[in-house]
Amino acid sequence: MPRTCLCGLPALYPDCCGRLHRGEGAAVTAEQLMRSRFSAFGVGDAAYLLRTWHPAARPARVDLDKKVRWVRLEVLESTGGSVVHTEGTVRFRAHYVDRGRPGEMEEHSRFVRLDGRWVYEGAL
């Protein structure tokens, strides 16, 4: 049975972030892109992370630590980033388990539209 999406929305992964990861659509808001990027970390989709990173800030590669399991996302606040905006920010808290120990990281991220698609520009 398909599992609930890691992004925190009440949907199954294949119908939620999975379709974005497969290239069957694009995020319509900055928050949706942030959620789908969190899910990409969770499922180990480095290619999606690179595709959705602003070219000026994109690393050459993303090395995902297979011993870190991303388990829950909390969206704390967002500004702009809607279908009518060209930029936006999302502050979030990501929960993980690293080698059996729980942890969390918090980031305030900036997103911009590039050629009509939302991309991650970096942390503020």
C-alpha atoms as a PDB file:
ATOM      1  CA  MET A   1       0.000   0.000   0.000  1.00  0.00           C
ATOM      2  CA  PRO A   2       1.395   3.452  -0.908  1.00  0.00           C
ATOM      3  CA  ARG A   3       2.584   5.540   1.984  1.00  0.00           C
ATOM      4  CA  THR A   4       1.592   9.025   3.041  1.00  0.00           C
ATOM      5  CA  CYS A   5       3.815  11.723   1.581  1.00  0.00           C
ATOM      6  CA  LEU A   6       6.686  12.917   3.773  1.00  0.00           C
ATOM      7  CA  CYS A   7       5.911  16.562   2.980  1.00  0.00           C
ATOM      8  CA  GLY A   8       3.205  16.654   5.649  1.00  0.00           C
ATOM      9  CA  LEU A   9       0.180  17.065   3.408  1.00  0.00           C
ATOM     10  CA  PRO A  10      -2.612  14.481   3.752  1.00  0.00           C
ATOM     11  CA  ALA A  11      -1.904  12.721   0.441  1.00  0.00           C
ATOM     12  CA  LEU A  12      -0.151   9.614  -0.767  1.00  0.00           C
ATOM     13  CA  TYR A  13       3.397  10.072  -2.031  1.00  0.00           C
ATOM     14  CA  PRO A  14       2.733   8.948  -5.643  1.00  0.00           C
ATOM     15  CA  ASP A  15      -0.063  11.527  -6.000  1.00  0.00           C
ATOM     16  CA  CYS A  16       1.653  14.321  -4.060  1.00  0.00           C
ATOM     17  CA  CYS A  17       5.398  14.955  -4.298  1.00  0.00           C
ATOM     18  CA  GLY A  18       5.976  11.767  -6.260  1.00  0.00           C
ATOM     19  CA  ARG A  19       4.407  13.247  -9.383  1.00  0.00           C
ATOM     20  CA  LEU A  20       6.684  16.299  -9.116  1.00  0.00           C
ATOM     21  CA  HIS A  21       9.727  14.073  -8.616  1.00  0.00           C
ATOM     22  CA  ARG A  22       8.723  12.112 -11.727  1.00  0.00           C
ATOM     23  CA  GLY A  23       8.425  15.362 -13.735  1.00  0.00           C
ATOM     24  CA  GLU A  24       4.647  15.072 -14.179  1.00  0.00           C
ATOM     25  CA  GLY A  25       4.122  18.644 -13.069  1.00  0.00           C
ATOM     26  CA  ALA A  26       5.845  21.536 -11.356  1.00  0.00           C
ATOM     27  CA  ALA A  27       5.316  23.155  -7.977  1.00  0.00           C
ATOM     28  CA  VAL A  28       2.776  25.986  -8.216  1.00  0.00           C
ATOM     29  CA  THR A  29       3.922  27.738  -5.025  1.00  0.00           C
ATOM     30  CA  ALA A  30       7.216  28.214  -3.217  1.00  0.00           C
ATOM     31  CA  GLU A  31       5.865  26.222  -0.272  1.00  0.00           C
ATOM     32  CA  GLN A  32       4.925  23.316  -2.520  1.00  0.00           C
ATOM     33  CA  LEU A  33       8.446  23.319  -3.947  1.00  0.00           C
ATOM     34  CA  MET A  34       9.945  23.368  -0.453  1.00  0.00           C
ATOM     35  CA  ARG A  35       7.723  20.475   0.605  1.00  0.00           C
ATOM     36  CA  SER A  36       8.651  18.480  -2.494  1.00  0.00           C
ATOM     37  CA  ARG A  37      12.353  19.128  -1.874  1.00  0.00           C
ATOM     38  CA  PHE A  38      12.002  17.847   1.700  1.00  0.00           C
ATOM     39  CA  SER A  39      10.348  14.718   0.312  1.00  0.00           C
ATOM     40  CA  ALA A  40      13.163  14.374  -2.219  1.00  0.00           C
ATOM     41  CA  PHE A  41      15.654  14.280   0.657  1.00  0.00           C
ATOM     42  CA  GLY A  42      13.464  11.631   2.283  1.00  0.00           C
ATOM     43  CA  VAL A  43      13.273   9.364  -0.756  1.00  0.00           C
ATOM     44  CA  GLY A  44      16.851  10.005  -1.871  1.00  0.00           C
ATOM     45  CA  ASP A  45      16.056  11.873  -5.107  1.00  0.00           C
ATOM     46  CA  ALA A  46      19.226  13.945  -5.586  1.00  0.00           C
ATOM     47  CA  ALA A  47      18.393  14.581  -9.260  1.00  0.00           C
ATOM     48  CA  TYR A  48      15.172  16.404  -8.274  1.00  0.00           C
ATOM     49  CA  LEU A  49      17.058  18.500  -5.730  1.00  0.00           C
ATOM     50  CA  LEU A  50      19.545  19.572  -8.391  1.00  0.00           C
ATOM     51  CA  ARG A  51      16.787  20.282 -10.964  1.00  0.00           C
ATOM     52  CA  THR A  52      14.963  22.567  -8.532  1.00  0.00           C
ATOM     53  CA  TRP A  53      18.039  24.497  -7.347  1.00  0.00           C
ATOM     54  CA  HIS A  54      18.739  27.927  -8.852  1.00  0.00           C
ATOM     55  CA  PRO A  55      21.592  27.479 -11.374  1.00  0.00           C
ATOM     56  CA  ALA A  56      23.622  30.298  -9.781  1.00  0.00           C
ATOM     57  CA  ALA A  57      23.583  28.537  -6.391  1.00  0.00           C
ATOM     58  CA  ARG A  58      23.390  24.875  -7.447  1.00  0.00           C
ATOM     59  CA  PRO A  59      26.185  22.620  -6.225  1.00  0.00           C
ATOM     60  CA  ALA A  60      27.862  20.296  -8.705  1.00  0.00           C
ATOM     61  CA  ARG A  61      26.294  17.321  -6.941  1.00  0.00           C
ATOM     62  CA  VAL A  62      24.253  16.400  -3.877  1.00  0.00           C
ATOM     63  CA  ASP A  63      25.523  13.613  -1.654  1.00  0.00           C
ATOM     64  CA  LEU A  64      22.695  12.272   0.484  1.00  0.00           C
ATOM     65  CA  ASP A  65      23.591  10.505   3.722  1.00  0.00           C
ATOM     66  CA  LYS A  66      21.752   7.187   3.613  1.00  0.00           C
ATOM     67  CA  LYS A  67      21.997   6.896   7.414  1.00  0.00           C
ATOM     68  CA  VAL A  68      19.837  10.007   7.885  1.00  0.00           C
ATOM     69  CA  ARG A  69      16.091   9.360   7.711  1.00  0.00           C
ATOM     70  CA  TRP A  70      13.907  12.444   7.222  1.00  0.00           C
ATOM     71  CA  VAL A  71      10.673  11.863   9.135  1.00  0.00           C
ATOM     72  CA  ARG A  72       8.582  15.014   9.510  1.00  0.00           C
ATOM     73  CA  LEU A  73       8.260  18.558   8.238  1.00  0.00           C
ATOM     74  CA  GLU A  74       6.774  21.603   9.945  1.00  0.00           C
ATOM     75  CA  VAL A  75       6.130  24.737   7.885  1.00  0.00           C
ATOM     76  CA  LEU A  76       6.513  27.627  10.336  1.00  0.00           C
ATOM     77  CA  GLU A  77       5.769  30.588   8.054  1.00  0.00           C
ATOM     78  CA  SER A  78       5.853  31.706   4.459  1.00  0.00           C
ATOM     79  CA  THR A  79       5.828  35.029   2.635  1.00  0.00           C
ATOM     80  CA  GLY A  80       4.954  35.605  -1.009  1.00  0.00           C
ATOM     81  CA  GLY A  81       5.533  32.523  -3.094  1.00  0.00           C
ATOM     82  CA  SER A  82       1.978  32.199  -4.414  1.00  0.00           C
ATOM     83  CA  VAL A  83       0.873  31.713  -8.012  1.00  0.00           C
ATOM     84  CA  VAL A  84       0.983  35.509  -8.516  1.00  0.00           C
ATOM     85  CA  HIS A  85       4.409  36.129  -6.948  1.00  0.00           C
ATOM     86  CA  THR A  86       7.901  35.885  -8.416  1.00  0.00           C
ATOM     87  CA  GLU A  87       9.661  35.312  -5.108  1.00  0.00           C
ATOM     88  CA  GLY A  88       8.877  33.952  -1.692  1.00  0.00           C
ATOM     89  CA  THR A  89      10.302  32.604   1.521  1.00  0.00           C
ATOM     90  CA  VAL A  90       9.451  29.589   3.630  1.00  0.00           C
ATOM     91  CA  ARG A  91      10.665  28.979   7.167  1.00  0.00           C
ATOM     92  CA  PHE A  92      10.499  25.361   8.211  1.00  0.00           C
ATOM     93  CA  ARG A  93      11.680  22.789  10.717  1.00  0.00           C
ATOM     94  CA  ALA A  94      12.745  19.393   9.395  1.00  0.00           C
ATOM     95  CA  HIS A  95      12.880  16.404  11.736  1.00  0.00           C
ATOM     96  CA  TYR A  96      15.209  13.492  11.107  1.00  0.00           C
ATOM     97  CA  VAL A  97      16.797  10.446  12.693  1.00  0.00           C
ATOM     98  CA  ASP A  98      20.564  10.176  12.275  1.00  0.00           C
ATOM     99  CA  ARG A  99      22.050   6.807  13.200  1.00  0.00           C
ATOM    100  CA  GLY A 100      19.235   6.218  15.664  1.00  0.00           C
ATOM    101  CA  ARG A 101      19.304   9.694  17.222  1.00  0.00           C
ATOM    102  CA  PRO A 102      16.483  12.179  16.571  1.00  0.00           C
ATOM    103  CA  GLY A 103      17.339  15.680  15.450  1.00  0.00           C
ATOM    104  CA  GLU A 104      15.926  18.710  13.728  1.00  0.00           C
ATOM    105  CA  MET A 105      17.120  21.536  11.556  1.00  0.00           C
ATOM    106  CA  GLU A 106      15.459  24.833  10.862  1.00  0.00           C
ATOM    107  CA  GLU A 107      15.904  26.985   7.782  1.00  0.00           C
ATOM    108  CA  HIS A 108      14.422  30.128   6.307  1.00  0.00           C
ATOM    109  CA  SER A 109      14.638  29.519   2.549  1.00  0.00           C
ATOM    110  CA  ARG A 110      14.315  31.856  -0.412  1.00  0.00           C
ATOM    111  CA  PHE A 111      12.616  30.797  -3.639  1.00  0.00           C
ATOM    112  CA  VAL A 112      12.294  32.607  -6.971  1.00  0.00           C
ATOM    113  CA  ARG A 113      10.596  31.944 -10.281  1.00  0.00           C
ATOM    114  CA  LEU A 114      12.994  31.194 -13.101  1.00  0.00           C
ATOM    115  CA  ASP A 115      11.531  30.705 -16.579  1.00  0.00           C
ATOM    116  CA  GLY A 116       8.098  30.320 -14.961  1.00  0.00           C
ATOM    117  CA  ARG A 117       9.133  27.621 -12.447  1.00  0.00           C
ATOM    118  CA  TRP A 118       9.886  27.895  -8.757  1.00  0.00           C
ATOM    119  CA  VAL A 119      13.498  27.176  -7.790  1.00  0.00           C
ATOM    120  CA  TYR A 120      15.340  27.114  -4.480  1.00  0.00           C
ATOM    121  CA  GLU A 121      17.786  30.011  -4.239  1.00  0.00           C
ATOM    122  CA  GLY A 122      19.209  29.302  -0.796  1.00  0.00           C
ATOM    123  CA  ALA A 123      18.960  29.900   2.916  1.00  0.00           C
ATOM    124  CA  LEU A 124      18.475  33.426   4.233  1.00  0.00           C
END
